[in-house]
Protein backbone atom coordinates (compact mmCIF):
# COMPACT_ATOMS: atom_id res chain seq x y z
CA UNK A 1 94.81 25.76 -11.04
CA UNK A 2 97.59 28.36 -11.27
CA UNK A 3 98.01 30.60 -8.25
CA UNK A 4 99.93 33.77 -7.43
CA UNK A 5 102.52 32.44 -4.97
CA UNK A 6 103.50 35.79 -3.44
CA UNK A 7 99.89 36.92 -2.98
CA UNK A 8 98.95 33.51 -1.61
CA UNK A 9 101.57 33.42 1.15
CA UNK A 10 100.58 36.96 2.18
CA UNK A 11 97.03 35.73 2.78
CA UNK A 12 97.80 32.46 4.55
CA UNK A 13 96.64 32.08 8.13
CA UNK A 14 99.16 30.67 10.63
CA UNK A 15 97.07 27.49 10.88
CA UNK A 16 97.37 26.97 7.12
CA UNK A 17 101.11 27.69 7.19
CA UNK A 18 101.69 25.08 9.88
CA UNK A 19 99.83 22.44 7.86
CA UNK A 20 101.82 23.21 4.70
CA UNK A 21 105.15 23.09 6.50
CA UNK A 22 104.39 20.03 8.64
CA UNK A 23 103.18 17.66 5.92
CA UNK A 24 104.55 16.60 2.54
CA UNK A 25 102.99 16.61 -0.91
CA UNK A 26 101.75 13.00 -0.89
CA UNK A 27 100.51 12.91 2.71
CA UNK A 28 96.83 12.22 3.30
CA UNK A 29 95.12 14.56 5.76
CA UNK A 30 91.95 14.39 7.82
CA UNK A 31 90.53 16.91 10.25
CA UNK A 32 91.19 14.61 13.18
CA UNK A 33 94.77 13.88 12.09
CA UNK A 34 95.63 17.57 11.64
CA UNK A 35 94.16 18.58 15.01
CA UNK A 36 95.95 15.72 16.77
CA UNK A 37 99.37 16.14 15.09
CA UNK A 38 99.51 19.95 15.36
CA UNK A 39 97.68 20.32 18.69
CA UNK A 40 94.97 22.47 17.11
CA UNK A 41 91.87 23.41 19.07
CA UNK A 42 88.66 21.55 18.09
CA UNK A 43 87.33 23.08 14.87
CA UNK A 44 90.63 24.65 13.79
CA UNK A 45 91.48 21.70 11.59
CA UNK A 46 88.21 21.99 9.69
CA UNK A 47 88.71 25.75 9.26
CA UNK A 48 92.28 25.49 8.03
CA UNK A 49 91.58 22.69 5.53
CA UNK A 50 88.55 24.59 4.22
CA UNK A 51 90.66 27.72 3.70
CA UNK A 52 93.40 25.75 1.94
CA UNK A 53 90.80 24.12 -0.30
CA UNK A 54 89.45 27.55 -1.24
CA UNK A 55 92.99 28.71 -2.13
CA UNK A 56 93.55 25.69 -4.37
CA UNK A 57 96.30 24.17 -2.19
CA UNK A 58 94.28 21.21 -0.90
CA UNK A 59 91.67 19.02 -2.55
CA UNK A 60 89.28 16.35 -1.34
CA UNK A 61 90.47 12.84 -2.24
CA UNK A 62 87.72 10.56 -0.93
CA UNK A 63 85.20 9.94 1.82
CA UNK A 64 84.92 6.88 4.03
CA UNK A 65 82.17 5.96 6.47
CA UNK A 66 83.43 4.45 9.70
CA UNK A 67 81.82 2.91 12.76
CA UNK A 68 82.79 4.64 16.01
CA UNK A 69 82.05 4.53 19.73
CA UNK A 70 81.76 7.64 21.91
CA UNK A 71 81.47 7.92 25.70
CA UNK A 72 78.05 8.88 27.05
CA UNK A 73 77.42 10.68 30.34
CA UNK A 74 76.99 7.25 31.92
CA UNK A 75 80.33 6.14 30.45
CA UNK A 76 82.05 9.16 31.95
CA UNK A 77 80.45 8.29 35.29
CA UNK A 78 81.82 4.74 34.97
CA UNK A 79 85.24 6.20 34.19
CA UNK A 80 85.17 8.37 37.32
CA UNK A 81 83.40 6.09 39.82
CA UNK A 82 83.97 2.62 38.41
CA UNK A 83 81.76 0.24 36.44
CA UNK A 84 78.77 -1.36 38.20
CA UNK A 85 80.72 -4.69 38.29
CA UNK A 86 83.76 -3.03 39.89
CA UNK A 87 81.67 -1.18 42.46
CA UNK A 88 79.57 -4.24 43.39
CA UNK A 89 82.64 -6.43 43.88
CA UNK A 90 84.26 -3.80 46.07
CA UNK A 91 81.06 -3.42 48.15
CA UNK A 92 80.52 -7.17 48.66
CA UNK A 93 84.19 -7.60 49.57
CA UNK A 94 83.55 -5.25 52.50
CA UNK A 95 79.86 -5.97 53.27
CA UNK A 96 79.24 -9.60 52.40
CA UNK A 97 75.65 -10.88 52.38
CA UNK A 98 73.74 -7.89 50.97
CA UNK A 99 70.64 -8.42 48.82
CA UNK A 100 70.39 -6.89 45.33
CA UNK A 101 67.98 -4.06 46.35
CA UNK A 102 70.35 -3.18 49.21
CA UNK A 103 73.26 -3.05 46.77
CA UNK A 104 71.28 -0.79 44.43
CA UNK A 105 70.33 1.52 47.30
CA UNK A 106 73.85 1.70 48.73
CA UNK A 107 75.57 2.35 45.38
CA UNK A 108 72.69 4.44 43.98
CA UNK A 109 72.54 2.27 40.85
CA UNK A 110 69.28 1.25 39.13
CA UNK A 111 67.96 -2.17 40.14
CA UNK A 112 68.07 -3.41 36.54
CA UNK A 113 71.73 -2.40 36.17
CA UNK A 114 72.59 -4.12 39.45
CA UNK A 115 70.77 -7.24 38.26
CA UNK A 116 72.63 -7.25 34.94
CA UNK A 117 76.01 -6.71 36.60
CA UNK A 118 75.36 -9.46 39.14
CA UNK A 119 74.37 -11.84 36.35
CA UNK A 120 77.64 -11.20 34.52
CA UNK A 121 79.72 -11.57 37.71
CA UNK A 122 77.90 -14.74 38.65
CA UNK A 123 78.64 -16.31 35.24
CA UNK A 124 82.30 -15.35 35.67
CA UNK A 125 82.40 -17.05 39.07
CA UNK A 126 83.09 -13.85 40.99
CA UNK A 127 79.81 -13.64 42.99
CA UNK A 128 77.18 -16.10 44.15
CA UNK A 129 73.74 -15.94 45.79
CA UNK A 130 72.43 -18.14 48.59
CA UNK A 131 68.87 -19.37 49.15
CA UNK A 132 68.11 -16.23 51.11
CA UNK A 133 69.01 -14.18 48.01
CA UNK A 134 72.07 -12.76 49.74
CA UNK A 135 75.11 -12.04 47.59
CA UNK A 136 78.55 -13.42 48.54
CA UNK A 137 82.05 -13.38 47.11
CA UNK A 138 82.73 -16.62 45.21
CA UNK A 139 86.44 -15.82 44.80
CA UNK A 140 88.88 -16.16 47.68
CA UNK A 141 90.32 -12.90 48.97
CA UNK A 142 93.80 -13.87 47.76
CA UNK A 143 92.48 -13.84 44.18
CA UNK A 144 91.50 -10.19 44.46
CA UNK A 145 93.86 -7.28 43.88
CA UNK A 146 92.56 -3.82 44.80
CA UNK A 147 89.06 -5.29 44.97
CA UNK A 148 89.23 -6.78 41.46
CA UNK A 149 89.77 -10.33 40.18
CA UNK A 150 93.49 -10.94 39.73
CA UNK A 151 93.26 -13.54 36.97
CA UNK A 152 91.07 -15.55 34.65
CA UNK A 153 88.20 -14.45 32.42
CA UNK A 154 86.83 -12.00 34.98
CA UNK A 155 90.11 -10.12 35.23
CA UNK A 156 90.28 -9.93 31.44
CA UNK A 157 86.77 -8.44 31.21
CA UNK A 158 87.50 -5.87 33.91
CA UNK A 159 90.71 -4.86 32.19
CA UNK A 160 89.10 -4.62 28.75
CA UNK A 161 86.25 -2.37 29.94
CA UNK A 162 88.60 -0.16 31.95
CA UNK A 163 90.93 0.14 28.95
CA UNK A 164 88.07 1.11 26.62
CA UNK A 165 86.85 3.78 29.05
CA UNK A 166 90.34 5.26 29.44
CA UNK A 167 91.04 5.30 25.69
CA UNK A 168 87.69 6.85 24.81
CA UNK A 169 88.17 9.50 27.47
CA UNK A 170 91.58 10.50 26.10
CA UNK A 171 90.98 10.03 22.34
CA UNK A 172 87.39 11.25 22.12
CA UNK A 173 86.06 8.38 19.99
CA UNK A 174 87.06 4.76 19.31
CA UNK A 175 86.95 3.41 15.79
CA UNK A 176 85.55 -0.10 15.41
CA UNK A 177 88.32 -1.04 12.98
CA UNK A 178 90.99 -0.18 15.57
CA UNK A 179 89.57 -2.50 18.26
CA UNK A 180 90.64 -6.06 18.90
CA UNK A 181 88.14 -8.89 18.57
CA UNK A 182 87.90 -9.15 22.36
CA UNK A 183 87.31 -5.40 22.71
CA UNK A 184 84.60 -5.53 20.06
CA UNK A 185 82.77 -8.30 21.92
CA UNK A 186 82.89 -6.41 25.19
CA UNK A 187 81.91 -2.98 23.82
CA UNK A 188 78.98 -4.49 21.92
CA UNK A 189 77.35 -5.26 25.27
CA UNK A 190 77.75 -1.77 26.73
CA UNK A 191 76.88 0.39 23.72
CA UNK A 192 73.73 1.48 21.92
CA UNK A 193 73.00 3.42 18.74
CA UNK A 194 69.77 5.06 19.83
CA UNK A 195 68.58 5.83 23.32
CA UNK A 196 72.18 5.62 24.47
CA UNK A 197 71.52 7.28 27.84
CA UNK A 198 71.42 3.83 29.48
CA UNK A 199 74.67 2.64 27.91
CA UNK A 200 78.31 3.56 28.49
CA UNK A 201 79.01 4.10 24.77
CA UNK A 202 77.03 5.59 21.90
CA UNK A 203 77.45 3.99 18.47
CA UNK A 204 78.12 6.43 15.63
CA UNK A 205 78.28 6.18 11.86
CA UNK A 206 80.72 8.93 10.90
CA UNK A 207 82.00 10.02 7.50
CA UNK A 208 85.69 10.87 7.32
CA UNK A 209 86.91 13.18 4.54
CA UNK A 210 90.45 12.61 3.28
CA UNK A 211 92.37 15.53 1.78
CA UNK A 212 95.56 15.75 -0.26
CA UNK A 213 97.77 18.60 -1.41
CA UNK A 214 97.69 19.95 -4.96
CA UNK A 215 100.91 20.33 -6.94
CA UNK A 216 101.21 23.99 -5.86
CA UNK A 217 102.01 22.93 -2.29
CA UNK A 218 105.77 22.56 -2.83
CA UNK A 219 106.12 25.99 -4.47
CA UNK A 220 104.23 27.64 -1.62
CA UNK A 221 106.24 25.70 0.99
CA UNK A 222 109.50 26.82 -0.67
CA UNK A 223 108.34 30.44 -0.68
CA UNK A 224 107.44 30.22 3.01
CA UNK A 225 110.86 28.74 3.75
CA UNK A 226 112.59 31.52 1.81
CA UNK A 227 110.64 34.20 3.68
CA UNK A 228 111.31 32.54 7.03
CA UNK A 229 107.58 32.22 7.77
CA UNK A 230 106.84 29.34 10.17
CA UNK A 231 103.24 29.92 11.23
CA UNK A 232 104.36 30.49 14.80
CA UNK A 233 104.62 34.27 14.40
CA UNK A 234 102.95 36.39 17.07
CA UNK A 235 99.71 37.93 15.89
CA UNK A 236 99.29 40.72 18.44
CA UNK A 237 101.26 42.81 20.90
CA UNK A 238 99.70 42.83 24.36
CA UNK A 239 100.34 45.11 27.38
CA UNK A 240 101.67 42.08 29.26
CA UNK A 241 104.24 41.42 26.53
CA UNK A 242 105.38 45.04 26.64
CA UNK A 243 105.71 45.15 30.42
CA UNK A 244 107.54 41.81 30.66
CA UNK A 245 109.71 42.30 27.58
CA UNK A 246 108.67 38.90 26.21
CA UNK A 247 108.10 40.46 22.78
CA UNK A 248 111.85 40.70 22.25
CA UNK A 249 113.16 38.17 19.79
CA UNK A 250 109.67 37.16 18.60
CA UNK A 251 108.60 37.21 14.96
CA UNK A 252 105.39 39.14 14.27
CA UNK A 253 102.83 38.66 11.56
CA UNK A 254 102.50 41.54 9.07
CA UNK A 255 99.69 43.94 9.95
CA UNK A 256 97.68 45.72 7.26
CA UNK A 257 97.01 49.21 8.59
CA UNK A 258 94.46 49.75 5.82
CA UNK A 259 92.12 47.07 7.13
CA UNK A 260 88.96 48.77 8.47
CA UNK A 261 88.51 48.37 12.24
CA UNK A 262 85.90 46.07 13.69
CA UNK A 263 82.55 47.79 13.90
CA UNK A 264 81.57 48.49 17.49
CA UNK A 265 77.91 47.60 18.04
CA UNK A 266 76.81 49.51 21.11
CA UNK A 267 74.05 47.90 23.10
CA UNK A 268 70.72 49.66 22.70
CA UNK A 269 67.16 49.03 23.77
CA UNK A 270 64.80 48.13 20.95
CA UNK A 271 63.10 51.43 19.96
CA UNK A 272 59.57 50.07 20.19
CA UNK A 273 60.24 48.40 23.55
CA UNK A 274 61.68 51.72 24.77
CA UNK A 275 58.57 53.54 23.51
CA UNK A 276 56.28 51.15 25.43
CA UNK A 277 58.30 51.68 28.62
CA UNK A 278 58.08 55.45 28.17
CA UNK A 279 54.28 55.24 27.89
CA UNK A 280 54.15 53.18 31.08
CA UNK A 281 56.39 55.68 32.87
CA UNK A 282 54.20 58.58 31.68
CA UNK A 283 51.00 57.03 32.99
CA UNK A 284 52.59 55.86 36.24
CA UNK A 285 53.83 59.40 36.86
CA UNK A 286 50.21 60.59 36.58
CA UNK A 287 49.16 58.23 39.37
CA UNK A 288 47.80 55.35 37.26
CA UNK A 289 48.11 51.77 38.49
CA UNK A 290 48.94 49.10 35.89
CA UNK A 291 46.75 46.04 35.33
CA UNK A 292 47.29 42.91 33.24
CA UNK A 293 45.57 39.64 32.40
CA UNK A 294 45.69 36.44 30.34
CA UNK A 295 45.68 36.36 26.53
CA UNK A 296 42.84 33.81 26.57
CA UNK A 297 39.54 35.19 27.80
CA UNK A 298 35.90 34.16 27.90
CA UNK A 299 33.21 35.72 25.74
CA UNK A 300 31.78 36.93 29.04
CA UNK A 301 34.63 39.29 29.94
CA UNK A 302 35.65 40.07 26.37
CA UNK A 303 32.19 41.17 25.28
CA UNK A 304 29.19 40.28 27.46
CA UNK A 305 30.39 42.26 30.51
CA UNK A 306 30.80 45.23 28.15
CA UNK A 307 27.10 45.08 27.23
CA UNK A 308 27.91 43.90 23.72
CA UNK A 309 24.89 41.79 22.64
CA UNK A 310 25.63 38.18 21.77
CA UNK A 311 24.25 38.74 18.27
CA UNK A 312 26.60 41.73 17.60
CA UNK A 313 28.43 41.51 14.25
CA UNK A 314 31.84 42.10 15.87
CA UNK A 315 31.47 38.74 17.65
CA UNK A 316 31.39 36.79 14.42
CA UNK A 317 34.10 34.13 13.98
CA UNK A 318 35.75 36.31 11.31
CA UNK A 319 36.68 38.91 13.96
CA UNK A 320 37.86 36.79 16.90
CA UNK A 321 40.03 33.70 17.21
CA UNK A 322 38.38 30.83 19.05
CA UNK A 323 40.27 28.32 21.20
CA UNK A 324 39.90 24.73 19.98
CA UNK A 325 40.80 22.84 23.17
CA UNK A 326 39.47 23.50 25.73
CA UNK A 327 36.71 25.38 24.01
CA UNK A 328 34.87 26.64 27.13
CA UNK A 329 35.69 27.81 30.63
CA UNK A 330 34.28 25.74 33.48
CA UNK A 331 32.31 28.60 35.07
CA UNK A 332 31.85 32.39 35.28
CA UNK A 333 32.09 34.17 38.61
CA UNK A 334 28.94 35.20 40.42
CA UNK A 335 27.28 37.58 41.04
CA UNK A 336 28.73 39.11 37.86
CA UNK A 337 27.29 36.45 35.54
CA UNK A 338 23.78 36.92 36.92
CA UNK A 339 24.05 40.72 36.89
CA UNK A 340 25.32 40.87 33.30
CA UNK A 341 22.78 38.32 32.06
CA UNK A 342 19.93 40.37 33.59
CA UNK A 343 21.30 43.59 32.06
CA UNK A 344 21.25 41.96 28.60
CA UNK A 345 17.81 40.44 28.99
CA UNK A 346 15.82 43.26 30.65
CA UNK A 347 18.26 45.83 32.00
CA UNK A 348 18.47 44.26 35.45
CA UNK A 349 18.89 46.94 38.08
CA UNK A 350 20.68 49.39 35.78
CA UNK A 351 17.66 51.45 34.73
CA UNK A 352 17.94 50.14 31.16
CA UNK A 353 15.54 47.98 29.16
CA UNK A 354 18.44 45.76 28.03
CA UNK A 355 18.66 44.07 24.63
CA UNK A 356 15.51 41.95 25.13
CA UNK A 357 16.87 38.48 24.20
CA UNK A 358 17.54 35.24 26.05
CA UNK A 359 21.15 35.44 27.32
CA UNK A 360 23.10 32.27 26.36
CA UNK A 361 24.99 31.13 29.48
CA UNK A 362 26.83 28.41 27.57
CA UNK A 363 28.03 30.73 24.81
CA UNK A 364 29.34 33.19 27.38
CA UNK A 365 31.85 30.55 28.62
CA UNK A 366 33.44 30.15 25.16
CA UNK A 367 37.20 30.79 25.14
CA UNK A 368 38.81 33.17 22.66
CA UNK A 369 41.97 35.22 22.25
CA UNK A 370 41.07 38.64 23.63
CA UNK A 371 40.13 40.96 20.79
CA UNK A 372 40.22 44.26 22.71
CA UNK A 373 42.01 45.68 25.72
CA UNK A 374 38.73 46.84 27.27
CA UNK A 375 38.28 43.31 28.64
CA UNK A 376 40.84 44.17 31.33
CA UNK A 377 39.01 47.36 32.23
CA UNK A 378 35.83 45.33 32.74
CA UNK A 379 37.66 42.83 34.97
CA UNK A 380 39.18 45.71 36.98
CA UNK A 381 35.85 47.38 37.80
CA UNK A 382 34.73 44.98 40.58
CA UNK A 383 38.02 45.47 42.48
CA UNK A 384 38.80 49.11 41.61
CA UNK A 385 39.27 51.83 44.18
CA UNK A 386 37.01 54.87 43.92
CA UNK A 387 38.35 57.31 42.99
CA UNK A 388 40.95 55.41 40.95
CA UNK A 389 43.03 55.41 37.76
CA UNK A 390 44.19 52.25 35.96
CA UNK A 391 45.94 51.36 32.70
CA UNK A 392 47.47 48.42 30.84
CA UNK A 393 49.61 47.76 27.76
CA UNK A 394 47.54 44.98 26.27
CA UNK A 395 48.26 42.54 23.43
CA UNK A 396 45.14 41.84 21.35
CA UNK A 397 44.20 39.53 18.47
CA UNK A 398 41.65 40.27 15.79
CA UNK A 399 41.27 38.98 12.27
CA UNK A 400 42.30 41.75 9.89
CA UNK A 401 43.97 42.35 6.54
CA UNK A 402 47.59 43.36 7.08
CA UNK A 403 48.57 46.80 5.78
CA UNK A 404 50.43 49.90 6.95
CA UNK A 405 47.98 50.54 9.82
CA UNK A 406 46.48 47.08 10.51
CA UNK A 407 47.90 43.90 12.03
CA UNK A 408 46.10 40.79 13.35
CA UNK A 409 48.30 40.88 16.47
CA UNK A 410 48.56 44.36 17.98
CA UNK A 411 48.91 46.32 21.22
CA UNK A 412 46.51 48.74 22.88
CA UNK A 413 46.98 51.00 25.84
CA UNK A 414 43.81 50.57 27.83
CA UNK A 415 42.71 52.68 30.75
CA UNK A 416 39.90 53.81 33.01
CA UNK A 417 39.38 56.72 35.42
CA UNK A 418 36.68 56.32 38.11
CA UNK A 419 35.24 59.07 40.30
CA UNK A 420 32.26 61.28 41.15
CA UNK A 421 33.70 64.19 39.14
CA UNK A 422 34.80 62.21 36.06
CA UNK A 423 33.21 63.53 32.87
CA UNK A 424 33.75 64.01 29.15
CA UNK A 425 36.22 66.84 29.76
CA UNK A 426 38.38 64.44 31.79
CA UNK A 427 38.38 62.00 28.87
CA UNK A 428 39.22 64.62 26.23
CA UNK A 429 42.21 65.72 28.31
CA UNK A 430 43.55 62.17 28.35
CA UNK A 431 43.05 61.77 24.60
CA UNK A 432 44.89 65.02 23.91
CA UNK A 433 47.80 63.85 26.06
CA UNK A 434 48.09 60.61 24.06
CA UNK A 435 47.84 62.36 20.70
CA UNK A 436 50.21 65.27 21.45
CA UNK A 437 52.62 64.22 24.19
CA UNK A 438 52.92 60.50 23.39
CA UNK A 439 52.33 60.24 19.65
CA UNK A 440 53.73 63.69 18.86
CA UNK A 441 50.88 64.62 16.50
CA UNK A 442 50.24 68.24 15.51
CA UNK A 443 46.87 67.71 13.83
CA UNK A 444 44.15 66.09 15.94
CA UNK A 445 40.42 65.68 15.58
CA UNK A 446 37.68 64.02 17.61
CA UNK A 447 34.99 62.07 15.77
CA UNK A 448 31.70 60.84 17.27
CA UNK A 449 31.70 57.05 17.51
CA UNK A 450 29.56 54.14 18.57
CA UNK A 451 30.48 51.39 21.01
CA UNK A 452 27.86 49.26 22.81
CA UNK A 453 29.56 49.88 26.17
CA UNK A 454 30.09 53.69 26.16
CA UNK A 455 27.84 56.73 25.84
CA UNK A 456 28.94 59.21 24.65
CA UNK A 457 31.58 57.51 22.45
CA UNK A 458 34.51 59.34 20.83
CA UNK A 459 37.22 58.35 18.35
CA UNK A 460 40.49 60.30 18.27
CA UNK A 461 42.24 60.72 14.91
CA UNK A 462 45.69 62.13 14.08
CA UNK A 463 47.30 63.15 10.80
CA UNK A 464 50.43 61.30 9.74
CA UNK A 465 52.74 63.12 7.26
CA UNK A 466 52.68 60.14 4.87
CA UNK A 467 49.66 58.01 5.78
CA UNK A 468 47.29 60.94 6.36
CA UNK A 469 44.46 60.78 8.88
CA UNK A 470 43.96 57.56 10.81
CA UNK A 471 42.21 56.53 14.00
CA UNK A 472 44.23 56.12 17.18
CA UNK A 473 41.42 54.45 19.10
CA UNK A 474 38.05 54.68 20.73
CA UNK A 475 36.88 56.03 24.07
CA UNK A 476 33.84 57.10 26.03
CA UNK A 477 31.99 57.05 29.34
CA UNK A 478 30.99 53.51 30.37
CA UNK A 479 27.23 52.91 30.27
CA UNK A 480 25.44 52.06 33.54
CA UNK A 481 24.70 48.59 32.09
CA UNK A 482 28.48 47.97 32.34
CA UNK A 483 29.37 49.72 35.59
CA UNK A 484 26.30 48.89 37.69
CA UNK A 485 26.43 45.21 36.70
CA UNK A 486 30.00 45.07 37.99
CA UNK A 487 29.36 46.93 41.25
CA UNK A 488 30.43 50.49 40.34
CA UNK A 489 28.04 53.44 40.74
CA UNK A 490 30.24 56.40 39.70
CA UNK A 491 31.13 57.66 36.19
CA UNK A 492 33.98 55.80 34.48
CA UNK A 493 35.92 57.29 31.57
CA UNK A 494 37.53 54.58 29.41
CA UNK A 495 39.77 54.47 26.35
CA UNK A 496 41.49 51.88 24.17
CA UNK A 497 44.26 53.49 22.09
CA UNK A 498 46.30 51.67 19.43
CA UNK A 499 49.77 52.10 20.88
CA UNK A 500 51.31 50.64 17.71
CA UNK A 501 49.74 53.49 15.76
CA UNK A 502 51.04 56.06 18.21
CA UNK A 503 54.51 54.59 17.68
CA UNK A 504 54.20 55.15 13.91
CA UNK A 505 54.14 58.89 14.49
CA UNK A 506 56.50 58.97 17.48
CA UNK A 507 59.24 56.88 15.81
CA UNK A 508 58.88 58.44 12.37
CA UNK A 509 57.71 55.26 10.62
CA UNK A 510 55.31 54.72 7.74
CA UNK A 511 54.24 51.10 8.29
CA UNK A 512 53.27 49.14 11.41
CA UNK A 513 55.27 46.15 10.15
CA UNK A 514 58.48 48.11 10.65
CA UNK A 515 57.93 47.90 14.42
CA UNK A 516 58.54 44.14 14.23
CA UNK A 517 61.20 44.12 11.50
CA UNK A 518 63.90 41.44 11.37
CA UNK A 519 66.21 43.97 9.64
CA UNK A 520 68.58 44.76 12.51
CA UNK A 521 70.15 47.70 10.67
CA UNK A 522 66.75 49.30 10.21
CA UNK A 523 66.07 48.83 13.91
CA UNK A 524 69.45 50.32 14.90
CA UNK A 525 68.96 53.41 12.74
CA UNK A 526 65.32 54.01 13.59
CA UNK A 527 64.83 57.70 14.31
CA UNK A 528 62.45 59.67 16.45
CA UNK A 529 60.32 62.48 15.13
CA UNK A 530 63.00 64.93 16.33
CA UNK A 531 65.57 63.23 14.08
CA UNK A 532 67.79 61.78 16.80
CA UNK A 533 68.88 58.16 17.00
CA UNK A 534 66.75 56.11 19.36
């Protein structure tokens, strides 16, 4: 492949230049060889050879698979503290007569490793064990140097293992082909291919790629020589260099002033996360307390406590997600279970006639992903202060077809206001605040609705400039069947607003899916309804 020499040398990185100038045309190169010879950082050799290949100055010659050994964490521990054999010999030299469990406890080595090491040392004639299973030195003290055998087979084994540990620590890996026959025999006993945590070495099959220069190398090398380019030129001028004067006499790499600067990516809160925090701050400033709860709920709290009959169509499997294992809760708290069951069957003490069916106490324990935020309002009633105001930002799950205003996984802002003077006017004021101050809607309408747990029931709708009218959520005054069963005897205004849908208007979006986009640029440039960057 013909190349433009002048243009090529202008675009060479210093790492590439150093490779070209250091090696000759017929030299074979590998990543490991280049990094070792030129003192490159790990990874630089791979980068430089890849760049040279892309420029047509280097080509792949062949690939070879080799068998290597690499130190494990245990091997590094052996390198630092000594092998089990070395440590046991040193311990017994000082404290003769210990039993194997005592050795393991003292050295903090596993019993099996102590047993293996003792077996090897016993075969080598270094240690022995008496009838009381006490370990003794079998070698005379004058045959020990620095606590290790001074000669014979034992000394050779100690030296081989220590040499392998030192070489692997300095070289990174040991190639099987580079080891002597004696080293291969020793390392085979202290290495494993899989599950290597219990061995000093891990066995690796590694492919080595060999590279060679193309014929253009010499022309490029000559051009570099003529230009006086060595690859050691300084790439940047620092304040320290200016203050010390060390820049004097240095050669600098050319700098292209036309190169666009690096884009500065300022840190910024995700717009939707910021919107959720703003809603929380708004409600907290109005005196609301926040509540929360688990994603998995029982049918009891999700529906039964809200006076939703167990035969209601919304409780069909197509609307809620059931939990496979475990499928049911162990029990439901009393007296709430008894109160709610009575309200369903005959009205209990609520003044209602109920739904007139046999309440299923097994079905009510079934576990599901909560399908509405109102479940948390129900759970809050027995422990609420009166008067009191509560809210939550609640993640819900409900089977639905995905489109611009529907998702199967969505958020609601759920809230209740309890008190003797709470009425429909209180509720309408809260709905207007959500529609105008939070969502930023200009066109609002209230539509009569039906929910088994509220009377009256109201839906609030807003008009989106692109999507048109859509529902924000439902609301109403809790029925006595709900409040009385859970120990509350004052009016309770409740709402469940789709906070995702409020964000559509507030953030100037046209599709709920944009709130969870993986397009980072779209997220960065998301605008508010006022036109400013979020």
